[in-house]
Amino acid sequence: MHIARHTFGNIAGDTIHPFMLQKLYRHSDLKTTLNYQANFIHKEADDALDSVVNF
């Protein structure tokens, strides 16, 4: 279950609104959701790698 939760967080990235994620994760505090989801948002690093490697 833990791996599934992290996989979902990684796929969701920043495409799902934080309030919806809060409901989906069943977090009582939005700050918990934002802190948790911050671990899965790597857009800046991905863009930097893409500019160098350009896949």
PDB file of N, CA and C in Angstrom:
ATOM      1  N   MET A   1       0.826  -1.198   0.000  1.00  0.00           N
ATOM      2  CA  MET A   1       0.000   0.000   0.000  1.00  0.00           C
ATOM      3  C   MET A   1       0.869   1.261   0.000  1.00  0.00           C
ATOM      4  N   HIS A   2       1.960   1.201   0.746  1.00  0.00           N
ATOM      5  CA  HIS A   2       2.850   2.356   0.836  1.00  0.00           C
ATOM      6  C   HIS A   2       3.425   2.707  -0.538  1.00  0.00           C
ATOM      7  N   ILE A   3       3.850   1.697  -1.278  1.00  0.00           N
ATOM      8  CA  ILE A   3       4.412   1.931  -2.608  1.00  0.00           C
ATOM      9  C   ILE A   3       3.345   2.484  -3.552  1.00  0.00           C
ATOM     10  N   ALA A   4       2.139   1.978  -3.456  1.00  0.00           N
ATOM     11  CA  ALA A   4       1.044   2.474  -4.296  1.00  0.00           C
ATOM     12  C   ALA A   4       0.765   3.945  -4.005  1.00  0.00           C
ATOM     13  N   ARG A   5       0.798   4.323  -2.755  1.00  0.00           N
ATOM     14  CA  ARG A   5       0.547   5.712  -2.359  1.00  0.00           C
ATOM     15  C   ARG A   5       1.629   6.626  -2.937  1.00  0.00           C
ATOM     16  N   HIS A   6       2.879   6.195  -2.865  1.00  0.00           N
ATOM     17  CA  HIS A   6       3.969   6.995  -3.404  1.00  0.00           C
ATOM     18  C   HIS A   6       3.919   7.042  -4.922  1.00  0.00           C
ATOM     19  N   THR A   7       3.535   5.966  -5.550  1.00  0.00           N
ATOM     20  CA  THR A   7       3.397   5.952  -7.000  1.00  0.00           C
ATOM     21  C   THR A   7       2.323   6.934  -7.429  1.00  0.00           C
ATOM     22  N   PHE A   8       1.195   6.935  -6.728  1.00  0.00           N
ATOM     23  CA  PHE A   8       0.131   7.882  -7.034  1.00  0.00           C
ATOM     24  C   PHE A   8       0.631   9.315  -6.867  1.00  0.00           C
ATOM     25  N   GLY A   9       1.323   9.585  -5.777  1.00  0.00           N
ATOM     26  CA  GLY A   9       1.848  10.929  -5.538  1.00  0.00           C
ATOM     27  C   GLY A   9       2.784  11.370  -6.642  1.00  0.00           C
ATOM     28  N   ASN A  10       3.607  10.459  -7.098  1.00  0.00           N
ATOM     29  CA  ASN A  10       4.548  10.766  -8.164  1.00  0.00           C
ATOM     30  C   ASN A  10       3.829  11.034  -9.481  1.00  0.00           C
ATOM     31  N   ILE A  11       2.833  10.228  -9.808  1.00  0.00           N
ATOM     32  CA  ILE A  11       2.072  10.418 -11.042  1.00  0.00           C
ATOM     33  C   ILE A  11       1.248  11.703 -10.978  1.00  0.00           C
ATOM     34  N   ALA A  12       0.649  11.973  -9.821  1.00  0.00           N
ATOM     35  CA  ALA A  12      -0.177  13.172  -9.664  1.00  0.00           C
ATOM     36  C   ALA A  12       0.669  14.433  -9.816  1.00  0.00           C
ATOM     37  N   GLY A  13       1.895  14.395  -9.297  1.00  0.00           N
ATOM     38  CA  GLY A  13       2.784  15.553  -9.403  1.00  0.00           C
ATOM     39  C   GLY A  13       2.089  16.824  -8.979  1.00  0.00           C
ATOM     40  N   ASP A  14       2.058  17.788  -9.874  1.00  0.00           N
ATOM     41  CA  ASP A  14       1.358  19.041  -9.578  1.00  0.00           C
ATOM     42  C   ASP A  14       0.144  19.226 -10.479  1.00  0.00           C
ATOM     43  N   THR A  15      -0.407  18.100 -10.982  1.00  0.00           N
ATOM     44  CA  THR A  15      -1.535  18.197 -11.906  1.00  0.00           C
ATOM     45  C   THR A  15      -2.888  18.183 -11.200  1.00  0.00           C
ATOM     46  N   ILE A  16      -2.941  17.714  -9.963  1.00  0.00           N
ATOM     47  CA  ILE A  16      -4.195  17.662  -9.209  1.00  0.00           C
ATOM     48  C   ILE A  16      -4.154  18.745  -8.145  1.00  0.00           C
ATOM     49  N   HIS A  17      -5.235  19.491  -8.034  1.00  0.00           N
ATOM     50  CA  HIS A  17      -5.323  20.588  -7.077  1.00  0.00           C
ATOM     51  C   HIS A  17      -5.079  20.067  -5.654  1.00  0.00           C
ATOM     52  N   PRO A  18      -4.328  20.820  -4.842  1.00  0.00           N
ATOM     53  CA  PRO A  18      -4.016  20.376  -3.479  1.00  0.00           C
ATOM     54  C   PRO A  18      -5.233  20.036  -2.622  1.00  0.00           C
ATOM     55  N   PHE A  19      -6.330  20.751  -2.782  1.00  0.00           N
ATOM     56  CA  PHE A  19      -7.520  20.443  -1.985  1.00  0.00           C
ATOM     57  C   PHE A  19      -8.094  19.066  -2.347  1.00  0.00           C
ATOM     58  N   MET A  20      -8.038  18.728  -3.629  1.00  0.00           N
ATOM     59  CA  MET A  20      -8.503  17.401  -4.044  1.00  0.00           C
ATOM     60  C   MET A  20      -7.555  16.330  -3.518  1.00  0.00           C
ATOM     61  N   LEU A  21      -6.250  16.593  -3.587  1.00  0.00           N
ATOM     62  CA  LEU A  21      -5.287  15.641  -3.049  1.00  0.00           C
ATOM     63  C   LEU A  21      -5.501  15.432  -1.555  1.00  0.00           C
ATOM     64  N   GLN A  22      -5.804  16.506  -0.848  1.00  0.00           N
ATOM     65  CA  GLN A  22      -6.069  16.405   0.592  1.00  0.00           C
ATOM     66  C   GLN A  22      -7.213  15.436   0.851  1.00  0.00           C
ATOM     67  N   LYS A  23      -8.258  15.537   0.052  1.00  0.00           N
ATOM     68  CA  LYS A  23      -9.394  14.624   0.191  1.00  0.00           C
ATOM     69  C   LYS A  23      -9.002  13.195  -0.157  1.00  0.00           C
ATOM     70  N   LEU A  24      -8.245  13.045  -1.250  1.00  0.00           N
ATOM     71  CA  LEU A  24      -7.848  11.707  -1.684  1.00  0.00           C
ATOM     72  C   LEU A  24      -6.919  11.037  -0.679  1.00  0.00           C
ATOM     73  N   TYR A  25      -5.998  11.804  -0.113  1.00  0.00           N
ATOM     74  CA  TYR A  25      -5.081  11.254   0.885  1.00  0.00           C
ATOM     75  C   TYR A  25      -5.716  11.126   2.265  1.00  0.00           C
ATOM     76  N   ARG A  26      -6.861  11.797   2.429  1.00  0.00           N
ATOM     77  CA  ARG A  26      -7.558  11.844   3.712  1.00  0.00           C
ATOM     78  C   ARG A  26      -6.714  12.502   4.803  1.00  0.00           C
ATOM     79  N   HIS A  27      -6.015  13.573   4.415  1.00  0.00           N
ATOM     80  CA  HIS A  27      -5.265  14.365   5.378  1.00  0.00           C
ATOM     81  C   HIS A  27      -6.206  15.373   6.025  1.00  0.00           C
ATOM     82  N   SER A  28      -6.070  15.545   7.316  1.00  0.00           N
ATOM     83  CA  SER A  28      -6.924  16.525   7.996  1.00  0.00           C
ATOM     84  C   SER A  28      -6.396  17.947   7.818  1.00  0.00           C
ATOM     85  N   ASP A  29      -5.117  18.099   7.537  1.00  0.00           N
ATOM     86  CA  ASP A  29      -4.500  19.415   7.395  1.00  0.00           C
ATOM     87  C   ASP A  29      -3.895  19.548   5.993  1.00  0.00           C
ATOM     88  N   LEU A  30      -4.198  20.636   5.337  1.00  0.00           N
ATOM     89  CA  LEU A  30      -3.681  20.875   3.989  1.00  0.00           C
ATOM     90  C   LEU A  30      -2.157  20.944   3.990  1.00  0.00           C
ATOM     91  N   LYS A  31      -1.566  21.455   5.054  1.00  0.00           N
ATOM     92  CA  LYS A  31      -0.104  21.540   5.140  1.00  0.00           C
ATOM     93  C   LYS A  31       0.532  20.155   5.016  1.00  0.00           C
ATOM     94  N   THR A  32      -0.106  19.157   5.583  1.00  0.00           N
ATOM     95  CA  THR A  32       0.395  17.785   5.483  1.00  0.00           C
ATOM     96  C   THR A  32       0.429  17.356   4.024  1.00  0.00           C
ATOM     97  N   THR A  33      -0.631  17.650   3.303  1.00  0.00           N
ATOM     98  CA  THR A  33      -0.711  17.296   1.885  1.00  0.00           C
ATOM     99  C   THR A  33       0.363  18.020   1.086  1.00  0.00           C
ATOM    100  N   LEU A  34       0.522  19.312   1.331  1.00  0.00           N
ATOM    101  CA  LEU A  34       1.511  20.090   0.588  1.00  0.00           C
ATOM    102  C   LEU A  34       2.925  19.600   0.866  1.00  0.00           C
ATOM    103  N   ASN A  35       3.223  19.302   2.122  1.00  0.00           N
ATOM    104  CA  ASN A  35       4.548  18.781   2.471  1.00  0.00           C
ATOM    105  C   ASN A  35       4.779  17.417   1.847  1.00  0.00           C
ATOM    106  N   TYR A  36       3.773  16.570   1.891  1.00  0.00           N
ATOM    107  CA  TYR A  36       3.878  15.230   1.324  1.00  0.00           C
ATOM    108  C   TYR A  36       4.081  15.306  -0.182  1.00  0.00           C
ATOM    109  N   GLN A  37       3.280  16.111  -0.854  1.00  0.00           N
ATOM    110  CA  GLN A  37       3.324  16.184  -2.305  1.00  0.00           C
ATOM    111  C   GLN A  37       4.593  16.875  -2.800  1.00  0.00           C
ATOM    112  N   ALA A  38       5.193  17.716  -1.992  1.00  0.00           N
ATOM    113  CA  ALA A  38       6.433  18.389  -2.393  1.00  0.00           C
ATOM    114  C   ALA A  38       7.535  17.386  -2.701  1.00  0.00           C
ATOM    115  N   ASN A  39       7.454  16.201  -2.127  1.00  0.00           N
ATOM    116  CA  ASN A  39       8.446  15.162  -2.393  1.00  0.00           C
ATOM    117  C   ASN A  39       8.352  14.620  -3.815  1.00  0.00           C
ATOM    118  N   PHE A  40       7.260  14.886  -4.508  1.00  0.00           N
ATOM    119  CA  PHE A  40       7.022  14.291  -5.822  1.00  0.00           C
ATOM    120  C   PHE A  40       7.046  15.286  -6.968  1.00  0.00           C
ATOM    121  N   ILE A  41       7.269  16.541  -6.679  1.00  0.00           N
ATOM    122  CA  ILE A  41       7.271  17.557  -7.726  1.00  0.00           C
ATOM    123  C   ILE A  41       8.724  17.896  -8.054  1.00  0.00           C
ATOM    124  N   HIS A  42       9.143  17.505  -9.247  1.00  0.00           N
ATOM    125  CA  HIS A  42      10.528  17.686  -9.657  1.00  0.00           C
ATOM    126  C   HIS A  42      10.617  18.379 -11.015  1.00  0.00           C
ATOM    127  N   LYS A  43       9.645  19.218 -11.323  1.00  0.00           N
ATOM    128  CA  LYS A  43       9.577  19.826 -12.651  1.00  0.00           C
ATOM    129  C   LYS A  43      10.835  20.618 -12.984  1.00  0.00           C
ATOM    130  N   GLU A  44      11.340  21.404 -12.049  1.00  0.00           N
ATOM    131  CA  GLU A  44      12.525  22.211 -12.336  1.00  0.00           C
ATOM    132  C   GLU A  44      13.730  21.324 -12.635  1.00  0.00           C
ATOM    133  N   ALA A  45      13.925  20.279 -11.846  1.00  0.00           N
ATOM    134  CA  ALA A  45      15.042  19.364 -12.079  1.00  0.00           C
ATOM    135  C   ALA A  45      14.851  18.619 -13.404  1.00  0.00           C
ATOM    136  N   ASP A  46      13.631  18.199 -13.689  1.00  0.00           N
ATOM    137  CA  ASP A  46      13.349  17.511 -14.954  1.00  0.00           C
ATOM    138  C   ASP A  46      13.631  18.418 -16.148  1.00  0.00           C
ATOM    139  N   ASP A  47      13.211  19.682 -16.039  1.00  0.00           N
ATOM    140  CA  ASP A  47      13.455  20.631 -17.129  1.00  0.00           C
ATOM    141  C   ASP A  47      14.949  20.870 -17.326  1.00  0.00           C
ATOM    142  N   ALA A  48      15.691  20.957 -16.228  1.00  0.00           N
ATOM    143  CA  ALA A  48      17.139  21.162 -16.320  1.00  0.00           C
ATOM    144  C   ALA A  48      17.803  19.974 -17.013  1.00  0.00           C
ATOM    145  N   LEU A  49      17.402  18.774 -16.631  1.00  0.00           N
ATOM    146  CA  LEU A  49      17.965  17.574 -17.275  1.00  0.00           C
ATOM    147  C   LEU A  49      17.592  17.515 -18.751  1.00  0.00           C
ATOM    148  N   ASP A  50      16.355  17.868 -19.067  1.00  0.00           N
ATOM    149  CA  ASP A  50      15.906  17.858 -20.458  1.00  0.00           C
ATOM    150  C   ASP A  50      16.710  18.838 -21.316  1.00  0.00           C
ATOM    151  N   SER A  51      17.083  19.980 -20.729  1.00  0.00           N
ATOM    152  CA  SER A  51      17.842  20.964 -21.497  1.00  0.00           C
ATOM    153  C   SER A  51      19.248  20.469 -21.823  1.00  0.00           C
ATOM    154  N   VAL A  52      19.761  19.560 -20.997  1.00  0.00           N
ATOM    155  CA  VAL A  52      21.094  19.018 -21.235  1.00  0.00           C
ATOM    156  C   VAL A  52      21.035  17.758 -22.086  1.00  0.00           C
ATOM    157  N   VAL A  53      20.170  16.834 -21.707  1.00  0.00           N
ATOM    158  CA  VAL A  53      20.117  15.534 -22.359  1.00  0.00           C
ATOM    159  C   VAL A  53      19.181  15.571 -23.566  1.00  0.00           C
ATOM    160  N   ASN A  54      18.097  16.323 -23.447  1.00  0.00           N
ATOM    161  CA  ASN A  54      17.122  16.507 -24.521  1.00  0.00           C
ATOM    162  C   ASN A  54      16.599  15.184 -25.100  1.00  0.00           C
ATOM    163  N   PHE A  55      15.931  14.410 -24.255  1.00  0.00           N
ATOM    164  CA  PHE A  55      15.359  13.140 -24.700  1.00  0.00           C
ATOM    165  C   PHE A  55      14.192  13.359 -25.600  1.00  0.00           C
TER     166      PHE A  55
END
